[in-house]
Amino acid sequence: MATESTERTLDVREIDGPPFDDIMAALEELETEQRLRLIAPFEPKPLYEVLDDRGFTHESREREGGVWHVLIEHA
């Protein structure tokens, strides 16, 4: 029986200022079986290398209105 991963969402459009610290805090709280859906008003390209360095994988998609959804999980 496969276990379903639970998903948490962080919408950085609601954050004043640079969202990097908020994203890092959310990743630190992420359990092994969880994934994080990051919602951003731009493609967070600088974040991808940080995710790789910290052992996370990501899948990015641009949605309607230029909003980006990035699914992040432990590698």
PDB file of N, CA and C in Angstrom:
ATOM      1  N   MET A   1       0.844  -1.184   0.000  1.00  0.00           N
ATOM      2  CA  MET A   1       0.000   0.000   0.000  1.00  0.00           C
ATOM      3  C   MET A   1       0.889   1.248   0.000  1.00  0.00           C
ATOM      4  N   ALA A   2       0.687   2.109  -0.993  1.00  0.00           N
ATOM      5  CA  ALA A   2       1.494   3.324  -1.109  1.00  0.00           C
ATOM      6  C   ALA A   2       0.962   4.392  -0.160  1.00  0.00           C
ATOM      7  N   THR A   3       1.898   5.128   0.390  1.00  0.00           N
ATOM      8  CA  THR A   3       1.465   6.221   1.268  1.00  0.00           C
ATOM      9  C   THR A   3       1.380   7.494   0.440  1.00  0.00           C
ATOM     10  N   GLU A   4       0.339   8.248   0.645  1.00  0.00           N
ATOM     11  CA  GLU A   4       0.171   9.496  -0.085  1.00  0.00           C
ATOM     12  C   GLU A   4       0.958  10.601   0.590  1.00  0.00           C
ATOM     13  N   SER A   5       1.608  11.413  -0.224  1.00  0.00           N
ATOM     14  CA  SER A   5       2.330  12.535   0.366  1.00  0.00           C
ATOM     15  C   SER A   5       1.338  13.651   0.673  1.00  0.00           C
ATOM     16  N   THR A   6       1.622  14.370   1.717  1.00  0.00           N
ATOM     17  CA  THR A   6       0.786  15.503   2.048  1.00  0.00           C
ATOM     18  C   THR A   6       1.441  16.747   1.469  1.00  0.00           C
ATOM     19  N   GLU A   7       0.639  17.701   1.122  1.00  0.00           N
ATOM     20  CA  GLU A   7       1.154  18.889   0.466  1.00  0.00           C
ATOM     21  C   GLU A   7       0.881  20.130   1.303  1.00  0.00           C
ATOM     22  N   ARG A   8       1.907  20.940   1.455  1.00  0.00           N
ATOM     23  CA  ARG A   8       1.763  22.235   2.118  1.00  0.00           C
ATOM     24  C   ARG A   8       1.901  23.299   1.043  1.00  0.00           C
ATOM     25  N   THR A   9       1.305  24.449   1.249  1.00  0.00           N
ATOM     26  CA  THR A   9       1.359  25.528   0.257  1.00  0.00           C
ATOM     27  C   THR A   9       1.944  26.786   0.881  1.00  0.00           C
ATOM     28  N   LEU A  10       2.841  27.420   0.135  1.00  0.00           N
ATOM     29  CA  LEU A  10       3.388  28.716   0.532  1.00  0.00           C
ATOM     30  C   LEU A  10       3.204  29.658  -0.655  1.00  0.00           C
ATOM     31  N   ASP A  11       2.331  30.643  -0.489  1.00  0.00           N
ATOM     32  CA  ASP A  11       2.072  31.620  -1.537  1.00  0.00           C
ATOM     33  C   ASP A  11       2.892  32.866  -1.224  1.00  0.00           C
ATOM     34  N   VAL A  12       4.005  33.041  -1.952  1.00  0.00           N
ATOM     35  CA  VAL A  12       4.896  34.163  -1.649  1.00  0.00           C
ATOM     36  C   VAL A  12       4.371  35.486  -2.190  1.00  0.00           C
ATOM     37  N   ARG A  13       3.286  35.450  -2.935  1.00  0.00           N
ATOM     38  CA  ARG A  13       2.676  36.706  -3.388  1.00  0.00           C
ATOM     39  C   ARG A  13       2.118  37.495  -2.208  1.00  0.00           C
ATOM     40  N   GLU A  14       1.901  36.813  -1.089  1.00  0.00           N
ATOM     41  CA  GLU A  14       1.333  37.452   0.097  1.00  0.00           C
ATOM     42  C   GLU A  14       2.398  37.978   1.061  1.00  0.00           C
ATOM     43  N   ILE A  15       3.669  37.831   0.690  1.00  0.00           N
ATOM     44  CA  ILE A  15       4.776  38.218   1.579  1.00  0.00           C
ATOM     45  C   ILE A  15       5.348  39.558   1.129  1.00  0.00           C
ATOM     46  N   ASP A  16       5.508  40.484   2.090  1.00  0.00           N
ATOM     47  CA  ASP A  16       6.159  41.763   1.785  1.00  0.00           C
ATOM     48  C   ASP A  16       7.668  41.560   1.844  1.00  0.00           C
ATOM     49  N   GLY A  17       8.356  41.995   0.808  1.00  0.00           N
ATOM     50  CA  GLY A  17       9.808  41.864   0.802  1.00  0.00           C
ATOM     51  C   GLY A  17      10.250  40.532   0.217  1.00  0.00           C
ATOM     52  N   PRO A  18      11.559  40.284   0.211  1.00  0.00           N
ATOM     53  CA  PRO A  18      12.093  39.041  -0.352  1.00  0.00           C
ATOM     54  C   PRO A  18      11.583  37.813   0.408  1.00  0.00           C
ATOM     55  N   PRO A  19      11.091  36.804  -0.313  1.00  0.00           N
ATOM     56  CA  PRO A  19      10.497  35.639   0.345  1.00  0.00           C
ATOM     57  C   PRO A  19      11.490  34.532   0.707  1.00  0.00           C
ATOM     58  N   PHE A  20      12.785  34.734   0.446  1.00  0.00           N
ATOM     59  CA  PHE A  20      13.757  33.644   0.609  1.00  0.00           C
ATOM     60  C   PHE A  20      13.724  33.023   2.001  1.00  0.00           C
ATOM     61  N   ASP A  21      13.746  33.852   3.048  1.00  0.00           N
ATOM     62  CA  ASP A  21      13.768  33.316   4.414  1.00  0.00           C
ATOM     63  C   ASP A  21      12.496  32.522   4.723  1.00  0.00           C
ATOM     64  N   ASP A  22      11.370  32.989   4.219  1.00  0.00           N
ATOM     65  CA  ASP A  22      10.111  32.273   4.425  1.00  0.00           C
ATOM     66  C   ASP A  22      10.137  30.903   3.732  1.00  0.00           C
ATOM     67  N   ILE A  23      10.706  30.881   2.537  1.00  0.00           N
ATOM     68  CA  ILE A  23      10.808  29.619   1.787  1.00  0.00           C
ATOM     69  C   ILE A  23      11.727  28.647   2.529  1.00  0.00           C
ATOM     70  N   MET A  24      12.877  29.131   2.993  1.00  0.00           N
ATOM     71  CA  MET A  24      13.819  28.263   3.709  1.00  0.00           C
ATOM     72  C   MET A  24      13.195  27.724   4.992  1.00  0.00           C
ATOM     73  N   ALA A  25      12.437  28.559   5.701  1.00  0.00           N
ATOM     74  CA  ALA A  25      11.772  28.106   6.929  1.00  0.00           C
ATOM     75  C   ALA A  25      10.752  27.026   6.610  1.00  0.00           C
ATOM     76  N   ALA A  26      10.011  27.187   5.533  1.00  0.00           N
ATOM     77  CA  ALA A  26       9.012  26.185   5.144  1.00  0.00           C
ATOM     78  C   ALA A  26       9.684  24.869   4.760  1.00  0.00           C
ATOM     79  N   LEU A  27      10.834  24.954   4.093  1.00  0.00           N
ATOM     80  CA  LEU A  27      11.559  23.736   3.711  1.00  0.00           C
ATOM     81  C   LEU A  27      12.112  23.007   4.931  1.00  0.00           C
ATOM     82  N   GLU A  28      12.566  23.753   5.923  1.00  0.00           N
ATOM     83  CA  GLU A  28      13.093  23.133   7.142  1.00  0.00           C
ATOM     84  C   GLU A  28      12.011  22.363   7.887  1.00  0.00           C
ATOM     85  N   GLU A  29      10.773  22.834   7.800  1.00  0.00           N
ATOM     86  CA  GLU A  29       9.653  22.178   8.477  1.00  0.00           C
ATOM     87  C   GLU A  29       9.073  21.024   7.672  1.00  0.00           C
ATOM     88  N   LEU A  30       9.519  20.868   6.427  1.00  0.00           N
ATOM     89  CA  LEU A  30       8.966  19.862   5.534  1.00  0.00           C
ATOM     90  C   LEU A  30       9.407  18.455   5.946  1.00  0.00           C
ATOM     91  N   GLU A  31       8.441  17.605   6.215  1.00  0.00           N
ATOM     92  CA  GLU A  31       8.740  16.221   6.577  1.00  0.00           C
ATOM     93  C   GLU A  31       9.092  15.443   5.316  1.00  0.00           C
ATOM     94  N   THR A  32       9.730  14.301   5.472  1.00  0.00           N
ATOM     95  CA  THR A  32      10.206  13.519   4.342  1.00  0.00           C
ATOM     96  C   THR A  32       9.104  13.184   3.351  1.00  0.00           C
ATOM     97  N   GLU A  33       7.913  12.848   3.844  1.00  0.00           N
ATOM     98  CA  GLU A  33       6.829  12.436   2.955  1.00  0.00           C
ATOM     99  C   GLU A  33       5.982  13.606   2.455  1.00  0.00           C
ATOM    100  N   GLN A  34       6.306  14.792   2.893  1.00  0.00           N
ATOM    101  CA  GLN A  34       5.549  15.968   2.470  1.00  0.00           C
ATOM    102  C   GLN A  34       6.186  16.633   1.267  1.00  0.00           C
ATOM    103  N   ARG A  35       5.372  17.421   0.576  1.00  0.00           N
ATOM    104  CA  ARG A  35       5.925  18.282  -0.458  1.00  0.00           C
ATOM    105  C   ARG A  35       5.358  19.678  -0.274  1.00  0.00           C
ATOM    106  N   LEU A  36       6.079  20.639  -0.824  1.00  0.00           N
ATOM    107  CA  LEU A  36       5.710  22.041  -0.686  1.00  0.00           C
ATOM    108  C   LEU A  36       5.325  22.580  -2.052  1.00  0.00           C
ATOM    109  N   ARG A  37       4.157  23.204  -2.130  1.00  0.00           N
ATOM    110  CA  ARG A  37       3.756  23.899  -3.354  1.00  0.00           C
ATOM    111  C   ARG A  37       4.048  25.384  -3.128  1.00  0.00           C
ATOM    112  N   LEU A  38       5.007  25.874  -3.873  1.00  0.00           N
ATOM    113  CA  LEU A  38       5.384  27.278  -3.805  1.00  0.00           C
ATOM    114  C   LEU A  38       4.651  28.009  -4.922  1.00  0.00           C
ATOM    115  N   ILE A  39       3.962  29.076  -4.586  1.00  0.00           N
ATOM    116  CA  ILE A  39       3.247  29.873  -5.580  1.00  0.00           C
ATOM    117  C   ILE A  39       3.915  31.237  -5.626  1.00  0.00           C
ATOM    118  N   ALA A  40       4.382  31.619  -6.820  1.00  0.00           N
ATOM    119  CA  ALA A  40       5.149  32.863  -6.962  1.00  0.00           C
ATOM    120  C   ALA A  40       4.699  33.631  -8.208  1.00  0.00           C
ATOM    121  N   PRO A  41       4.868  34.955  -8.184  1.00  0.00           N
ATOM    122  CA  PRO A  41       4.483  35.774  -9.338  1.00  0.00           C
ATOM    123  C   PRO A  41       5.544  35.783 -10.447  1.00  0.00           C
ATOM    124  N   PHE A  42       6.610  35.002 -10.272  1.00  0.00           N
ATOM    125  CA  PHE A  42       7.700  34.910 -11.252  1.00  0.00           C
ATOM    126  C   PHE A  42       8.335  33.534 -11.111  1.00  0.00           C
ATOM    127  N   GLU A  43       9.088  33.110 -12.111  1.00  0.00           N
ATOM    128  CA  GLU A  43       9.790  31.830 -11.984  1.00  0.00           C
ATOM    129  C   GLU A  43      10.984  32.029 -11.056  1.00  0.00           C
ATOM    130  N   PRO A  44      11.029  31.307  -9.932  1.00  0.00           N
ATOM    131  CA  PRO A  44      12.099  31.517  -8.942  1.00  0.00           C
ATOM    132  C   PRO A  44      13.387  30.772  -9.301  1.00  0.00           C
ATOM    133  N   LYS A  45      13.965  31.113 -10.453  1.00  0.00           N
ATOM    134  CA  LYS A  45      15.166  30.421 -10.939  1.00  0.00           C
ATOM    135  C   LYS A  45      16.317  30.388  -9.936  1.00  0.00           C
ATOM    136  N   PRO A  46      16.610  31.485  -9.219  1.00  0.00           N
ATOM    137  CA  PRO A  46      17.732  31.432  -8.262  1.00  0.00           C
ATOM    138  C   PRO A  46      17.523  30.380  -7.159  1.00  0.00           C
ATOM    139  N   LEU A  47      16.280  30.028  -6.906  1.00  0.00           N
ATOM    140  CA  LEU A  47      15.973  29.055  -5.858  1.00  0.00           C
ATOM    141  C   LEU A  47      16.355  27.632  -6.262  1.00  0.00           C
ATOM    142  N   TYR A  48      16.342  27.334  -7.546  1.00  0.00           N
ATOM    143  CA  TYR A  48      16.555  25.961  -8.007  1.00  0.00           C
ATOM    144  C   TYR A  48      17.898  25.395  -7.572  1.00  0.00           C
ATOM    145  N   GLU A  49      18.957  26.179  -7.676  1.00  0.00           N
ATOM    146  CA  GLU A  49      20.287  25.700  -7.269  1.00  0.00           C
ATOM    147  C   GLU A  49      20.323  25.449  -5.761  1.00  0.00           C
ATOM    148  N   VAL A  50      19.680  26.319  -4.987  1.00  0.00           N
ATOM    149  CA  VAL A  50      19.619  26.146  -3.532  1.00  0.00           C
ATOM    150  C   VAL A  50      18.889  24.841  -3.200  1.00  0.00           C
ATOM    151  N   LEU A  51      17.797  24.585  -3.908  1.00  0.00           N
ATOM    152  CA  LEU A  51      17.041  23.342  -3.675  1.00  0.00           C
ATOM    153  C   LEU A  51      17.908  22.125  -3.979  1.00  0.00           C
ATOM    154  N   ASP A  52      18.609  22.158  -5.122  1.00  0.00           N
ATOM    155  CA  ASP A  52      19.490  21.046  -5.491  1.00  0.00           C
ATOM    156  C   ASP A  52      20.558  20.815  -4.429  1.00  0.00           C
ATOM    157  N   ASP A  53      21.169  21.907  -3.958  1.00  0.00           N
ATOM    158  CA  ASP A  53      22.238  21.815  -2.959  1.00  0.00           C
ATOM    159  C   ASP A  53      21.736  21.237  -1.637  1.00  0.00           C
ATOM    160  N   ARG A  54      20.454  21.456  -1.327  1.00  0.00           N
ATOM    161  CA  ARG A  54      19.893  20.995  -0.050  1.00  0.00           C
ATOM    162  C   ARG A  54      19.154  19.670  -0.158  1.00  0.00           C
ATOM    163  N   GLY A  55      19.243  19.012  -1.314  1.00  0.00           N
ATOM    164  CA  GLY A  55      18.667  17.681  -1.450  1.00  0.00           C
ATOM    165  C   GLY A  55      17.187  17.649  -1.774  1.00  0.00           C
ATOM    166  N   PHE A  56      16.700  18.667  -2.468  1.00  0.00           N
ATOM    167  CA  PHE A  56      15.301  18.701  -2.874  1.00  0.00           C
ATOM    168  C   PHE A  56      15.191  18.616  -4.390  1.00  0.00           C
ATOM    169  N   THR A  57      14.086  18.082  -4.858  1.00  0.00           N
ATOM    170  CA  THR A  57      13.769  18.118  -6.282  1.00  0.00           C
ATOM    171  C   THR A  57      12.626  19.100  -6.469  1.00  0.00           C
ATOM    172  N   HIS A  58      12.477  19.582  -7.684  1.00  0.00           N
ATOM    173  CA  HIS A  58      11.393  20.532  -7.947  1.00  0.00           C
ATOM    174  C   HIS A  58      10.827  20.324  -9.346  1.00  0.00           C
ATOM    175  N   GLU A  59       9.590  20.707  -9.502  1.00  0.00           N
ATOM    176  CA  GLU A  59       8.920  20.683 -10.793  1.00  0.00           C
ATOM    177  C   GLU A  59       8.161  22.001 -10.907  1.00  0.00           C
ATOM    178  N   SER A  60       8.457  22.765 -11.953  1.00  0.00           N
ATOM    179  CA  SER A  60       7.876  24.101 -12.095  1.00  0.00           C
ATOM    180  C   SER A  60       6.916  24.147 -13.271  1.00  0.00           C
ATOM    181  N   ARG A  61       5.839  24.887 -13.072  1.00  0.00           N
ATOM    182  CA  ARG A  61       4.877  25.100 -14.150  1.00  0.00           C
ATOM    183  C   ARG A  61       4.357  26.529 -14.074  1.00  0.00           C
ATOM    184  N   GLU A  62       4.274  27.156 -15.237  1.00  0.00           N
ATOM    185  CA  GLU A  62       3.665  28.482 -15.289  1.00  0.00           C
ATOM    186  C   GLU A  62       2.174  28.306 -15.497  1.00  0.00           C
ATOM    187  N   ARG A  63       1.408  28.980 -14.682  1.00  0.00           N
ATOM    188  CA  ARG A  63      -0.052  28.905 -14.769  1.00  0.00           C
ATOM    189  C   ARG A  63      -0.594  30.186 -15.379  1.00  0.00           C
ATOM    190  N   GLU A  64      -1.880  30.242 -15.507  1.00  0.00           N
ATOM    191  CA  GLU A  64      -2.557  31.397 -16.077  1.00  0.00           C
ATOM    192  C   GLU A  64      -2.185  32.679 -15.327  1.00  0.00           C
ATOM    193  N   GLY A  65      -1.973  33.748 -16.066  1.00  0.00           N
ATOM    194  CA  GLY A  65      -1.648  35.026 -15.451  1.00  0.00           C
ATOM    195  C   GLY A  65      -0.184  35.169 -15.066  1.00  0.00           C
ATOM    196  N   GLY A  66       0.675  34.269 -15.526  1.00  0.00           N
ATOM    197  CA  GLY A  66       2.099  34.354 -15.224  1.00  0.00           C
ATOM    198  C   GLY A  66       2.462  33.945 -13.809  1.00  0.00           C
ATOM    199  N   VAL A  67       1.558  33.225 -13.149  1.00  0.00           N
ATOM    200  CA  VAL A  67       1.829  32.740 -11.792  1.00  0.00           C
ATOM    201  C   VAL A  67       2.538  31.393 -11.907  1.00  0.00           C
ATOM    202  N   TRP A  68       3.580  31.210 -11.119  1.00  0.00           N
ATOM    203  CA  TRP A  68       4.354  29.975 -11.143  1.00  0.00           C
ATOM    204  C   TRP A  68       4.024  29.100  -9.945  1.00  0.00           C
ATOM    205  N   HIS A  69       3.876  27.798 -10.199  1.00  0.00           N
ATOM    206  CA  HIS A  69       3.687  26.805  -9.141  1.00  0.00           C
ATOM    207  C   HIS A  69       4.916  25.901  -9.200  1.00  0.00           C
ATOM    208  N   VAL A  70       5.590  25.775  -8.073  1.00  0.00           N
ATOM    209  CA  VAL A  70       6.775  24.925  -7.985  1.00  0.00           C
ATOM    210  C   VAL A  70       6.515  23.878  -6.909  1.00  0.00           C
ATOM    211  N   LEU A  71       6.505  22.619  -7.311  1.00  0.00           N
ATOM    212  CA  LEU A  71       6.338  21.519  -6.359  1.00  0.00           C
ATOM    213  C   LEU A  71       7.720  21.084  -5.902  1.00  0.00           C
ATOM    214  N   ILE A  72       7.952  21.115  -4.608  1.00  0.00           N
ATOM    215  CA  ILE A  72       9.263  20.812  -4.041  1.00  0.00           C
ATOM    216  C   ILE A  72       9.121  19.625  -3.097  1.00  0.00           C
ATOM    217  N   GLU A  73      10.016  18.649  -3.232  1.00  0.00           N
ATOM    218  CA  GLU A  73      10.023  17.514  -2.302  1.00  0.00           C
ATOM    219  C   GLU A  73      11.426  17.013  -2.092  1.00  0.00           C
ATOM    220  N   HIS A  74      11.593  16.212  -1.051  1.00  0.00           N
ATOM    221  CA  HIS A  74      12.897  15.629  -0.756  1.00  0.00           C
ATOM    222  C   HIS A  74      13.294  14.684  -1.885  1.00  0.00           C
ATOM    223  N   ALA A  75      14.571  14.747  -2.269  1.00  0.00           N
ATOM    224  CA  ALA A  75      15.069  13.883  -3.348  1.00  0.00           C
ATOM    225  C   ALA A  75      15.145  12.453  -2.879  1.00  0.00           C
TER     226      ALA A  75
END
